[in-house]
Amino acid sequence: MKKLGLLCFVVFLSLLTCLSINAAQPKRNPTLWQVYQQSLKQAKYVDLTHTINPAIPVWSGFGASQFAPTVNPKTGQPYTYQKDGFEATQYNLSTDQLGTQLDPPAHWNPDYPAIDELPPTFAVRPLVVISIQDKVARDPNYHLAIKDIKDWERQHGIIPPGSVVFVRSDWSKEWPNPQLATRTKFPGVSLSALKFLHLERKILFHGHEPLDTDSTPTLEGEAWLLKNGYTQAEGVANLDQVPETGALVAIGYPKFQGGLGGYARYIAICPPDWKYGVSIGQIPESPLQKQNKPLRWDKNLGVRVR
């Protein structure tokens, strides 16, 4: 009995020692929190998204959109800061193919997912930027070719599977000129390049600055993508502010049921020493900083401005 009691006492002391050691050691942050603290917090963030307003370029077949102050249905009068303590906006959007977009395959093929059916794994991906702006400067109708992709890979390495490939053409530098949507010649991505990226490199999706994939009469590249279950980004901006390799892209879009297009927001997450973008902590975030002027409704522009 004495030996048993002594053994229990030793075990008890051992447990106390282990507990005291564990209590003295600081707990490590979960792995993904470490990724945030060590990498994402110091990264540079660049917005690759156009602002949506009623005057941006859009295909004539969709028509114009309208913004208006939200009206109280009981009084028929708009809500105001002075009277109601808040204001809101009513959006009469002519299409879900507007501005910077994420095209789900259901846009062309109802057998594939709509915007609300895309998987949440789209959220963050490696970002590849292939530049063709020099060739577009000589030929406004130039389309990305397989040679351009292989030239990029000779310099940077093989494109990672599951990545997002954005094609820089600088077409978006004229945004928001409405005439952009009327041009029949514009930079695009060739069907052969699309097939190479998806079938050989197994990318998640590609993106381009214009509002269509290619300028062929049948939109052959867009047709092949969407009819075969692939997605794509359109109307991407600010690709001149993103490195060709080494960045990530954060992907967000509203979840409209059965939506055939997505008003998307793309944010490039670039290395901390990158020359463009802003890091966490460099600007006020919570609370946000007051602006120099309050928002006001501009009847001529049909949108709130400062």
C-alpha atoms as a PDB file:
ATOM      1  CA  MET A   1       0.000   0.000   0.000  1.00  0.00           C
ATOM      2  CA  LYS A   2       2.872   2.379   0.826  1.00  0.00           C
ATOM      3  CA  LYS A   3       4.474   1.687  -2.577  1.00  0.00           C
ATOM      4  CA  LEU A   4       1.166   2.328  -4.323  1.00  0.00           C
ATOM      5  CA  GLY A   5       0.704   5.577  -2.430  1.00  0.00           C
ATOM      6  CA  LEU A   6       4.252   6.667  -3.288  1.00  0.00           C
ATOM      7  CA  LEU A   7       3.650   5.851  -6.967  1.00  0.00           C
ATOM      8  CA  CYS A   8       0.460   7.922  -7.022  1.00  0.00           C
ATOM      9  CA  PHE A   9       2.303  10.819  -5.407  1.00  0.00           C
ATOM     10  CA  VAL A  10       5.079  10.678  -8.044  1.00  0.00           C
ATOM     11  CA  VAL A  11       2.517  10.617 -10.860  1.00  0.00           C
ATOM     12  CA  PHE A  12       0.723  13.573  -9.292  1.00  0.00           C
ATOM     13  CA  LEU A  13       3.965  15.580  -9.090  1.00  0.00           C
ATOM     14  CA  SER A  14       4.755  14.734 -12.703  1.00  0.00           C
ATOM     15  CA  LEU A  15       1.369  15.999 -13.841  1.00  0.00           C
ATOM     16  CA  LEU A  16       1.817  19.226 -11.874  1.00  0.00           C
ATOM     17  CA  THR A  17       5.248  19.720 -13.437  1.00  0.00           C
ATOM     18  CA  CYS A  18       3.871  19.194 -16.962  1.00  0.00           C
ATOM     19  CA  LEU A  19       0.993  21.584 -16.319  1.00  0.00           C
ATOM     20  CA  SER A  20       3.314  24.268 -14.936  1.00  0.00           C
ATOM     21  CA  ILE A  21       5.680  23.910 -17.893  1.00  0.00           C
ATOM     22  CA  ASN A  22       2.812  24.151 -20.387  1.00  0.00           C
ATOM     23  CA  ALA A  23       1.383  27.154 -18.569  1.00  0.00           C
ATOM     24  CA  ALA A  24       4.761  28.896 -18.631  1.00  0.00           C
ATOM     25  CA  GLN A  25       5.229  28.373 -22.368  1.00  0.00           C
ATOM     26  CA  PRO A  26       3.454  30.925 -24.578  1.00  0.00           C
ATOM     27  CA  LYS A  27       0.909  29.424 -26.950  1.00  0.00           C
ATOM     28  CA  ARG A  28       1.821  29.607 -30.618  1.00  0.00           C
ATOM     29  CA  ASN A  29      -0.598  31.278 -32.965  1.00  0.00           C
ATOM     30  CA  PRO A  30      -2.500  28.939 -35.280  1.00  0.00           C
ATOM     31  CA  THR A  31      -0.655  28.335 -38.538  1.00  0.00           C
ATOM     32  CA  LEU A  32      -2.842  30.551 -40.722  1.00  0.00           C
ATOM     33  CA  TRP A  33      -2.594  33.394 -38.202  1.00  0.00           C
ATOM     34  CA  GLN A  34       1.174  33.074 -38.478  1.00  0.00           C
ATOM     35  CA  VAL A  35       0.848  33.404 -42.254  1.00  0.00           C
ATOM     36  CA  TYR A  36      -1.072  36.645 -41.700  1.00  0.00           C
ATOM     37  CA  GLN A  37       1.412  38.052 -39.157  1.00  0.00           C
ATOM     38  CA  GLN A  38       4.530  37.038 -41.082  1.00  0.00           C
ATOM     39  CA  SER A  39       3.415  37.663 -44.660  1.00  0.00           C
ATOM     40  CA  LEU A  40       0.000  39.168 -45.331  1.00  0.00           C
ATOM     41  CA  LYS A  41       0.260  41.962 -42.767  1.00  0.00           C
ATOM     42  CA  GLN A  42       3.414  43.361 -44.385  1.00  0.00           C
ATOM     43  CA  ALA A  43       2.260  42.783 -47.969  1.00  0.00           C
ATOM     44  CA  LYS A  44       1.290  45.546 -50.395  1.00  0.00           C
ATOM     45  CA  TYR A  45      -2.340  45.571 -51.558  1.00  0.00           C
ATOM     46  CA  VAL A  46      -3.315  46.834 -55.034  1.00  0.00           C
ATOM     47  CA  ASP A  47      -6.942  47.131 -56.207  1.00  0.00           C
ATOM     48  CA  LEU A  48      -7.452  45.705 -59.703  1.00  0.00           C
ATOM     49  CA  THR A  49     -11.101  46.746 -59.925  1.00  0.00           C
ATOM     50  CA  HIS A  50     -12.969  49.498 -61.770  1.00  0.00           C
ATOM     51  CA  THR A  51     -15.552  51.518 -59.846  1.00  0.00           C
ATOM     52  CA  ILE A  52     -19.081  50.942 -61.144  1.00  0.00           C
ATOM     53  CA  ASN A  53     -21.092  54.026 -62.082  1.00  0.00           C
ATOM     54  CA  PRO A  54     -23.833  54.692 -64.679  1.00  0.00           C
ATOM     55  CA  ALA A  55     -21.398  56.072 -67.274  1.00  0.00           C
ATOM     56  CA  ILE A  56     -18.880  53.198 -67.566  1.00  0.00           C
ATOM     57  CA  PRO A  57     -18.406  51.298 -70.857  1.00  0.00           C
ATOM     58  CA  VAL A  58     -20.983  48.578 -71.496  1.00  0.00           C
ATOM     59  CA  TRP A  59     -22.117  46.664 -74.577  1.00  0.00           C
ATOM     60  CA  SER A  60     -24.963  48.499 -76.342  1.00  0.00           C
ATOM     61  CA  GLY A  61     -27.051  45.342 -76.226  1.00  0.00           C
ATOM     62  CA  PHE A  62     -27.296  45.675 -72.448  1.00  0.00           C
ATOM     63  CA  GLY A  63     -28.085  49.383 -72.302  1.00  0.00           C
ATOM     64  CA  ALA A  64     -27.405  51.884 -69.560  1.00  0.00           C
ATOM     65  CA  SER A  65     -27.789  51.510 -65.799  1.00  0.00           C
ATOM     66  CA  GLN A  66     -29.244  54.046 -63.386  1.00  0.00           C
ATOM     67  CA  PHE A  67     -28.513  54.934 -59.772  1.00  0.00           C
ATOM     68  CA  ALA A  68     -31.031  56.791 -57.591  1.00  0.00           C
ATOM     69  CA  PRO A  69     -31.588  57.582 -53.914  1.00  0.00           C
ATOM     70  CA  THR A  70     -33.625  54.877 -52.195  1.00  0.00           C
ATOM     71  CA  VAL A  71     -37.200  56.042 -51.594  1.00  0.00           C
ATOM     72  CA  ASN A  72     -39.355  55.353 -48.557  1.00  0.00           C
ATOM     73  CA  PRO A  73     -42.286  53.385 -50.020  1.00  0.00           C
ATOM     74  CA  LYS A  74     -44.674  54.878 -47.480  1.00  0.00           C
ATOM     75  CA  THR A  75     -43.899  58.532 -48.258  1.00  0.00           C
ATOM     76  CA  GLY A  76     -42.477  58.339 -51.771  1.00  0.00           C
ATOM     77  CA  GLN A  77     -39.578  60.533 -50.613  1.00  0.00           C
ATOM     78  CA  PRO A  78     -35.854  59.687 -50.557  1.00  0.00           C
ATOM     79  CA  TYR A  79     -34.267  58.958 -47.191  1.00  0.00           C
ATOM     80  CA  THR A  80     -32.021  61.801 -46.003  1.00  0.00           C
ATOM     81  CA  TYR A  81     -29.373  62.198 -43.329  1.00  0.00           C
ATOM     82  CA  GLN A  82     -31.212  65.243 -41.973  1.00  0.00           C
ATOM     83  CA  LYS A  83     -34.671  63.665 -41.778  1.00  0.00           C
ATOM     84  CA  ASP A  84     -33.998  59.947 -41.302  1.00  0.00           C
ATOM     85  CA  GLY A  85     -30.398  59.776 -40.074  1.00  0.00           C
ATOM     86  CA  PHE A  86     -29.230  57.705 -43.053  1.00  0.00           C
ATOM     87  CA  GLU A  87     -29.325  57.462 -46.825  1.00  0.00           C
ATOM     88  CA  ALA A  88     -29.304  54.499 -49.223  1.00  0.00           C
ATOM     89  CA  THR A  89     -28.988  53.949 -52.964  1.00  0.00           C
ATOM     90  CA  GLN A  90     -31.230  52.171 -55.448  1.00  0.00           C
ATOM     91  CA  TYR A  91     -29.371  50.463 -58.307  1.00  0.00           C
ATOM     92  CA  ASN A  92     -31.148  49.749 -61.588  1.00  0.00           C
ATOM     93  CA  LEU A  93     -28.405  47.694 -63.217  1.00  0.00           C
ATOM     94  CA  SER A  94     -29.024  46.730 -66.831  1.00  0.00           C
ATOM     95  CA  THR A  95     -26.923  43.564 -66.622  1.00  0.00           C
ATOM     96  CA  ASP A  96     -24.698  41.433 -64.425  1.00  0.00           C
ATOM     97  CA  GLN A  97     -22.028  41.842 -67.123  1.00  0.00           C
ATOM     98  CA  LEU A  98     -20.880  45.238 -65.898  1.00  0.00           C
ATOM     99  CA  GLY A  99     -17.463  46.657 -65.058  1.00  0.00           C
ATOM    100  CA  THR A 100     -14.852  44.342 -63.552  1.00  0.00           C
ATOM    101  CA  GLN A 101     -16.427  40.899 -63.713  1.00  0.00           C
ATOM    102  CA  LEU A 102     -16.142  37.224 -62.975  1.00  0.00           C
ATOM    103  CA  ASP A 103     -17.887  35.247 -65.700  1.00  0.00           C
ATOM    104  CA  PRO A 104     -19.277  31.874 -64.556  1.00  0.00           C
ATOM    105  CA  PRO A 105     -19.753  29.248 -67.273  1.00  0.00           C
ATOM    106  CA  ALA A 106     -23.548  29.427 -66.962  1.00  0.00           C
ATOM    107  CA  HIS A 107     -23.298  32.759 -68.831  1.00  0.00           C
ATOM    108  CA  TRP A 108     -23.071  30.633 -72.018  1.00  0.00           C
ATOM    109  CA  ASN A 109     -24.053  27.154 -70.850  1.00  0.00           C
ATOM    110  CA  PRO A 110     -26.905  26.486 -68.386  1.00  0.00           C
ATOM    111  CA  ASP A 111     -25.510  23.033 -67.569  1.00  0.00           C
ATOM    112  CA  TYR A 112     -22.612  24.593 -65.623  1.00  0.00           C
ATOM    113  CA  PRO A 113     -22.497  26.638 -62.369  1.00  0.00           C
ATOM    114  CA  ALA A 114     -23.909  30.132 -61.981  1.00  0.00           C
ATOM    115  CA  ILE A 115     -22.122  32.776 -59.900  1.00  0.00           C
ATOM    116  CA  ASP A 116     -23.664  31.572 -56.626  1.00  0.00           C
ATOM    117  CA  GLU A 117     -22.573  28.005 -57.340  1.00  0.00           C
ATOM    118  CA  LEU A 118     -18.844  28.693 -57.675  1.00  0.00           C
ATOM    119  CA  PRO A 119     -16.802  27.003 -54.926  1.00  0.00           C
ATOM    120  CA  PRO A 120     -15.371  29.056 -52.029  1.00  0.00           C
ATOM    121  CA  THR A 121     -11.900  27.796 -52.956  1.00  0.00           C
ATOM    122  CA  PHE A 122     -11.759  30.602 -55.539  1.00  0.00           C
ATOM    123  CA  ALA A 123     -10.959  33.034 -52.709  1.00  0.00           C
ATOM    124  CA  VAL A 124      -7.125  33.313 -52.876  1.00  0.00           C
ATOM    125  CA  ARG A 125      -4.762  32.131 -55.619  1.00  0.00           C
ATOM    126  CA  PRO A 126      -1.233  32.673 -56.984  1.00  0.00           C
ATOM    127  CA  LEU A 127      -1.299  35.526 -59.502  1.00  0.00           C
ATOM    128  CA  VAL A 128       0.553  35.485 -62.829  1.00  0.00           C
ATOM    129  CA  VAL A 129       0.645  38.643 -64.962  1.00  0.00           C
ATOM    130  CA  ILE A 130       1.672  38.250 -68.613  1.00  0.00           C
ATOM    131  CA  SER A 131       2.363  41.569 -70.335  1.00  0.00           C
ATOM    132  CA  ILE A 132       1.551  42.150 -74.004  1.00  0.00           C
ATOM    133  CA  GLN A 133       1.145  45.931 -73.878  1.00  0.00           C
ATOM    134  CA  ASP A 134       4.179  46.547 -76.136  1.00  0.00           C
ATOM    135  CA  LYS A 135       2.682  44.392 -78.881  1.00  0.00           C
ATOM    136  CA  VAL A 136      -0.754  45.963 -78.377  1.00  0.00           C
ATOM    137  CA  ALA A 137       0.817  49.408 -78.823  1.00  0.00           C
ATOM    138  CA  ARG A 138       1.828  48.293 -82.346  1.00  0.00           C
ATOM    139  CA  ASP A 139      -1.340  46.285 -83.044  1.00  0.00           C
ATOM    140  CA  PRO A 140      -4.484  47.229 -81.036  1.00  0.00           C
ATOM    141  CA  ASN A 141      -6.025  43.878 -82.047  1.00  0.00           C
ATOM    142  CA  TYR A 142      -3.131  41.737 -80.766  1.00  0.00           C
ATOM    143  CA  HIS A 143      -4.136  38.560 -78.900  1.00  0.00           C
ATOM    144  CA  LEU A 144      -2.048  36.662 -76.365  1.00  0.00           C
ATOM    145  CA  ALA A 145      -0.314  33.715 -78.059  1.00  0.00           C
ATOM    146  CA  ILE A 146       1.271  30.518 -76.752  1.00  0.00           C
ATOM    147  CA  LYS A 147       4.684  32.036 -77.546  1.00  0.00           C
ATOM    148  CA  ASP A 148       3.980  34.893 -75.111  1.00  0.00           C
ATOM    149  CA  ILE A 149       3.205  32.365 -72.387  1.00  0.00           C
ATOM    150  CA  LYS A 150       6.358  30.338 -73.048  1.00  0.00           C
ATOM    151  CA  ASP A 151       8.466  33.512 -73.147  1.00  0.00           C
ATOM    152  CA  TRP A 152       7.076  34.384 -69.709  1.00  0.00           C
ATOM    153  CA  GLU A 153       7.869  30.899 -68.425  1.00  0.00           C
ATOM    154  CA  ARG A 154      11.466  31.054 -69.687  1.00  0.00           C
ATOM    155  CA  GLN A 155      11.946  34.084 -67.465  1.00  0.00           C
ATOM    156  CA  HIS A 156       9.826  33.172 -64.433  1.00  0.00           C
ATOM    157  CA  GLY A 157       9.295  29.408 -64.471  1.00  0.00           C
ATOM    158  CA  ILE A 158       6.311  27.197 -65.241  1.00  0.00           C
ATOM    159  CA  ILE A 159       2.906  28.703 -64.406  1.00  0.00           C
ATOM    160  CA  PRO A 160       1.640  27.010 -61.222  1.00  0.00           C
ATOM    161  CA  PRO A 161      -1.455  24.799 -61.471  1.00  0.00           C
ATOM    162  CA  GLY A 162      -4.544  26.432 -59.980  1.00  0.00           C
ATOM    163  CA  SER A 163      -3.206  29.940 -60.467  1.00  0.00           C
ATOM    164  CA  VAL A 164      -4.962  32.963 -61.966  1.00  0.00           C
ATOM    165  CA  VAL A 165      -3.377  34.446 -65.098  1.00  0.00           C
ATOM    166  CA  PHE A 166      -4.127  38.090 -65.873  1.00  0.00           C
ATOM    167  CA  VAL A 167      -3.138  39.485 -69.272  1.00  0.00           C
ATOM    168  CA  ARG A 168      -1.838  43.044 -69.174  1.00  0.00           C
ATOM    169  CA  SER A 169      -2.600  45.062 -72.317  1.00  0.00           C
ATOM    170  CA  ASP A 170      -3.077  48.575 -70.830  1.00  0.00           C
ATOM    171  CA  TRP A 171      -6.444  48.744 -72.648  1.00  0.00           C
ATOM    172  CA  SER A 172      -8.012  49.850 -69.361  1.00  0.00           C
ATOM    173  CA  LYS A 173      -5.946  53.043 -69.190  1.00  0.00           C
ATOM    174  CA  GLU A 174      -8.702  54.723 -71.271  1.00  0.00           C
ATOM    175  CA  TRP A 175     -11.392  53.702 -68.774  1.00  0.00           C
ATOM    176  CA  PRO A 176     -14.133  54.948 -68.297  1.00  0.00           C
ATOM    177  CA  ASN A 177     -14.389  56.198 -71.888  1.00  0.00           C
ATOM    178  CA  PRO A 178     -17.771  54.745 -73.071  1.00  0.00           C
ATOM    179  CA  GLN A 179     -16.361  54.407 -76.606  1.00  0.00           C
ATOM    180  CA  LEU A 180     -14.218  51.503 -75.411  1.00  0.00           C
ATOM    181  CA  ALA A 181     -17.259  49.232 -75.591  1.00  0.00           C
ATOM    182  CA  THR A 182     -17.883  50.081 -79.268  1.00  0.00           C
ATOM    183  CA  ARG A 183     -14.485  49.102 -80.658  1.00  0.00           C
ATOM    184  CA  THR A 184     -14.311  45.993 -82.804  1.00  0.00           C
ATOM    185  CA  LYS A 185     -10.528  45.766 -82.538  1.00  0.00           C
ATOM    186  CA  PHE A 186      -9.102  45.344 -79.051  1.00  0.00           C
ATOM    187  CA  PRO A 187      -6.481  43.190 -77.312  1.00  0.00           C
ATOM    188  CA  GLY A 188      -7.589  39.666 -76.480  1.00  0.00           C
ATOM    189  CA  VAL A 189      -6.514  36.119 -75.741  1.00  0.00           C
ATOM    190  CA  SER A 190      -6.278  33.594 -78.562  1.00  0.00           C
ATOM    191  CA  LEU A 191      -8.141  30.300 -78.398  1.00  0.00           C
ATOM    192  CA  SER A 192      -4.864  28.381 -78.628  1.00  0.00           C
ATOM    193  CA  ALA A 193      -3.468  30.301 -75.644  1.00  0.00           C
ATOM    194  CA  LEU A 194      -6.617  29.610 -73.614  1.00  0.00           C
ATOM    195  CA  LYS A 195      -6.432  25.902 -74.354  1.00  0.00           C
ATOM    196  CA  PHE A 196      -2.736  25.829 -73.444  1.00  0.00           C
ATOM    197  CA  LEU A 197      -3.344  27.609 -70.126  1.00  0.00           C
ATOM    198  CA  HIS A 198      -6.240  25.362 -69.112  1.00  0.00           C
ATOM    199  CA  LEU A 199      -5.350  22.009 -70.626  1.00  0.00           C
ATOM    200  CA  GLU A 200      -1.561  22.126 -70.233  1.00  0.00           C
ATOM    201  CA  ARG A 201      -0.991  24.412 -67.246  1.00  0.00           C
ATOM    202  CA  LYS A 202      -4.275  23.635 -65.432  1.00  0.00           C
ATOM    203  CA  ILE A 203      -4.896  27.230 -64.309  1.00  0.00           C
ATOM    204  CA  LEU A 204      -8.040  28.221 -62.384  1.00  0.00           C
ATOM    205  CA  PHE A 205      -8.985  31.019 -64.776  1.00  0.00           C
ATOM    206  CA  HIS A 206      -7.513  33.827 -66.823  1.00  0.00           C
ATOM    207  CA  GLY A 207      -8.466  37.518 -66.911  1.00  0.00           C
ATOM    208  CA  HIS A 208      -8.159  40.376 -69.365  1.00  0.00           C
ATOM    209  CA  GLU A 209      -8.711  44.132 -69.384  1.00  0.00           C
ATOM    210  CA  PRO A 210     -11.300  44.446 -72.201  1.00  0.00           C
ATOM    211  CA  LEU A 211     -14.943  43.429 -71.778  1.00  0.00           C
ATOM    212  CA  ASP A 212     -14.664  40.465 -74.168  1.00  0.00           C
ATOM    213  CA  THR A 213     -12.153  37.620 -74.426  1.00  0.00           C
ATOM    214  CA  ASP A 214     -11.349  38.079 -78.088  1.00  0.00           C
ATOM    215  CA  SER A 215     -12.403  40.078 -81.131  1.00  0.00           C
ATOM    216  CA  THR A 216     -13.348  37.161 -83.389  1.00  0.00           C
ATOM    217  CA  PRO A 217     -16.851  37.326 -84.949  1.00  0.00           C
ATOM    218  CA  THR A 218     -18.060  34.405 -82.827  1.00  0.00           C
ATOM    219  CA  LEU A 219     -16.077  35.189 -79.669  1.00  0.00           C
ATOM    220  CA  GLU A 220     -14.493  31.775 -80.131  1.00  0.00           C
ATOM    221  CA  GLY A 221     -12.299  31.954 -77.029  1.00  0.00           C
ATOM    222  CA  GLU A 222     -15.107  33.004 -74.709  1.00  0.00           C
ATOM    223  CA  ALA A 223     -17.384  30.376 -76.234  1.00  0.00           C
ATOM    224  CA  TRP A 224     -14.851  27.589 -75.677  1.00  0.00           C
ATOM    225  CA  LEU A 225     -14.221  28.623 -72.084  1.00  0.00           C
ATOM    226  CA  LEU A 226     -17.769  29.026 -70.869  1.00  0.00           C
ATOM    227  CA  LYS A 227     -19.274  26.152 -72.828  1.00  0.00           C
ATOM    228  CA  ASN A 228     -16.705  23.819 -71.278  1.00  0.00           C
ATOM    229  CA  GLY A 229     -17.093  24.812 -67.633  1.00  0.00           C
ATOM    230  CA  TYR A 230     -14.322  27.397 -67.222  1.00  0.00           C
ATOM    231  CA  THR A 231     -14.637  30.847 -65.663  1.00  0.00           C
ATOM    232  CA  GLN A 232     -12.875  34.067 -66.632  1.00  0.00           C
ATOM    233  CA  ALA A 233     -12.267  37.604 -65.403  1.00  0.00           C
ATOM    234  CA  GLU A 234     -13.087  40.638 -67.546  1.00  0.00           C
ATOM    235  CA  GLY A 235     -12.548  44.372 -67.148  1.00  0.00           C
ATOM    236  CA  VAL A 236      -9.503  43.987 -64.901  1.00  0.00           C
ATOM    237  CA  ALA A 237      -7.601  47.199 -64.052  1.00  0.00           C
ATOM    238  CA  ASN A 238      -4.214  48.427 -62.782  1.00  0.00           C
ATOM    239  CA  LEU A 239      -2.171  45.477 -64.003  1.00  0.00           C
ATOM    240  CA  ASP A 240       0.734  47.877 -64.556  1.00  0.00           C
ATOM    241  CA  GLN A 241       0.959  48.114 -60.748  1.00  0.00           C
ATOM    242  CA  VAL A 242       1.388  44.369 -60.135  1.00  0.00           C
ATOM    243  CA  PRO A 243       4.508  42.184 -60.418  1.00  0.00           C
ATOM    244  CA  GLU A 244       4.531  39.532 -63.131  1.00  0.00           C
ATOM    245  CA  THR A 245       5.179  36.833 -60.540  1.00  0.00           C
ATOM    246  CA  GLY A 246       5.188  36.396 -56.774  1.00  0.00           C
ATOM    247  CA  ALA A 247       1.833  37.974 -55.886  1.00  0.00           C
ATOM    248  CA  LEU A 248      -1.493  36.507 -54.811  1.00  0.00           C
ATOM    249  CA  VAL A 249      -4.978  37.596 -55.865  1.00  0.00           C
ATOM    250  CA  ALA A 250      -7.956  37.821 -53.524  1.00  0.00           C
ATOM    251  CA  ILE A 251     -11.244  37.241 -55.344  1.00  0.00           C
ATOM    252  CA  GLY A 252     -14.646  38.504 -54.196  1.00  0.00           C
ATOM    253  CA  TYR A 253     -18.067  38.800 -55.819  1.00  0.00           C
ATOM    254  CA  PRO A 254     -21.723  39.077 -54.702  1.00  0.00           C
ATOM    255  CA  LYS A 255     -23.679  35.841 -54.561  1.00  0.00           C
ATOM    256  CA  PHE A 256     -26.759  36.431 -56.711  1.00  0.00           C
ATOM    257  CA  GLN A 257     -28.867  33.291 -57.083  1.00  0.00           C
ATOM    258  CA  GLY A 258     -28.613  32.001 -60.635  1.00  0.00           C
ATOM    259  CA  GLY A 259     -26.385  34.955 -61.574  1.00  0.00           C
ATOM    260  CA  LEU A 260     -24.790  34.714 -65.019  1.00  0.00           C
ATOM    261  CA  GLY A 261     -22.146  37.340 -64.320  1.00  0.00           C
ATOM    262  CA  GLY A 262     -20.395  38.685 -61.265  1.00  0.00           C
ATOM    263  CA  TYR A 263     -19.550  42.229 -60.221  1.00  0.00           C
ATOM    264  CA  ALA A 264     -16.130  41.174 -58.993  1.00  0.00           C
ATOM    265  CA  ARG A 265     -13.424  42.731 -56.871  1.00  0.00           C
ATOM    266  CA  TYR A 266      -9.836  41.599 -57.350  1.00  0.00           C
ATOM    267  CA  ILE A 267      -7.100  42.644 -54.944  1.00  0.00           C
ATOM    268  CA  ALA A 268      -3.461  41.834 -55.714  1.00  0.00           C
ATOM    269  CA  ILE A 269      -1.440  40.935 -52.602  1.00  0.00           C
ATOM    270  CA  CYS A 270       2.131  41.859 -53.496  1.00  0.00           C
ATOM    271  CA  PRO A 271       5.505  41.392 -51.741  1.00  0.00           C
ATOM    272  CA  PRO A 272       6.293  43.913 -48.944  1.00  0.00           C
ATOM    273  CA  ASP A 273       9.063  45.604 -50.967  1.00  0.00           C
ATOM    274  CA  TRP A 274       6.819  46.151 -54.006  1.00  0.00           C
ATOM    275  CA  LYS A 275       6.707  49.781 -55.184  1.00  0.00           C
ATOM    276  CA  TYR A 276       2.906  50.010 -55.502  1.00  0.00           C
ATOM    277  CA  GLY A 277       0.060  49.451 -53.094  1.00  0.00           C
ATOM    278  CA  VAL A 278      -0.541  49.986 -49.406  1.00  0.00           C
ATOM    279  CA  SER A 279       0.203  47.830 -46.363  1.00  0.00           C
ATOM    280  CA  ILE A 280      -1.966  47.110 -43.348  1.00  0.00           C
ATOM    281  CA  GLY A 281      -1.431  49.806 -40.744  1.00  0.00           C
ATOM    282  CA  GLN A 282      -0.349  52.498 -43.213  1.00  0.00           C
ATOM    283  CA  ILE A 283      -3.812  54.054 -43.415  1.00  0.00           C
ATOM    284  CA  PRO A 284      -6.657  54.309 -40.872  1.00  0.00           C
ATOM    285  CA  GLU A 285      -8.963  51.303 -41.032  1.00  0.00           C
ATOM    286  CA  SER A 286     -10.963  51.076 -37.818  1.00  0.00           C
ATOM    287  CA  PRO A 287     -12.345  53.624 -37.420  1.00  0.00           C
ATOM    288  CA  LEU A 288     -11.988  54.866 -40.975  1.00  0.00           C
ATOM    289  CA  GLN A 289     -10.867  58.439 -41.501  1.00  0.00           C
ATOM    290  CA  LYS A 290     -13.327  61.213 -42.311  1.00  0.00           C
ATOM    291  CA  GLN A 291     -13.167  62.508 -45.884  1.00  0.00           C
ATOM    292  CA  ASN A 292     -12.492  66.132 -46.811  1.00  0.00           C
ATOM    293  CA  LYS A 293     -16.035  66.559 -48.151  1.00  0.00           C
ATOM    294  CA  PRO A 294     -19.329  64.776 -47.395  1.00  0.00           C
ATOM    295  CA  LEU A 295     -21.077  62.671 -50.021  1.00  0.00           C
ATOM    296  CA  ARG A 296     -23.858  64.433 -51.925  1.00  0.00           C
ATOM    297  CA  TRP A 297     -26.226  63.385 -54.678  1.00  0.00           C
ATOM    298  CA  ASP A 298     -25.316  64.824 -58.095  1.00  0.00           C
ATOM    299  CA  LYS A 299     -28.461  64.904 -60.270  1.00  0.00           C
ATOM    300  CA  ASN A 300     -26.481  65.462 -63.465  1.00  0.00           C
ATOM    301  CA  LEU A 301     -24.165  62.526 -62.941  1.00  0.00           C
ATOM    302  CA  GLY A 302     -26.799  60.342 -61.326  1.00  0.00           C
ATOM    303  CA  VAL A 303     -24.477  59.219 -58.555  1.00  0.00           C
ATOM    304  CA  ARG A 304     -23.144  60.352 -55.157  1.00  0.00           C
ATOM    305  CA  VAL A 305     -19.912  62.350 -55.292  1.00  0.00           C
ATOM    306  CA  ARG A 306     -17.732  64.301 -52.910  1.00  0.00           C
END
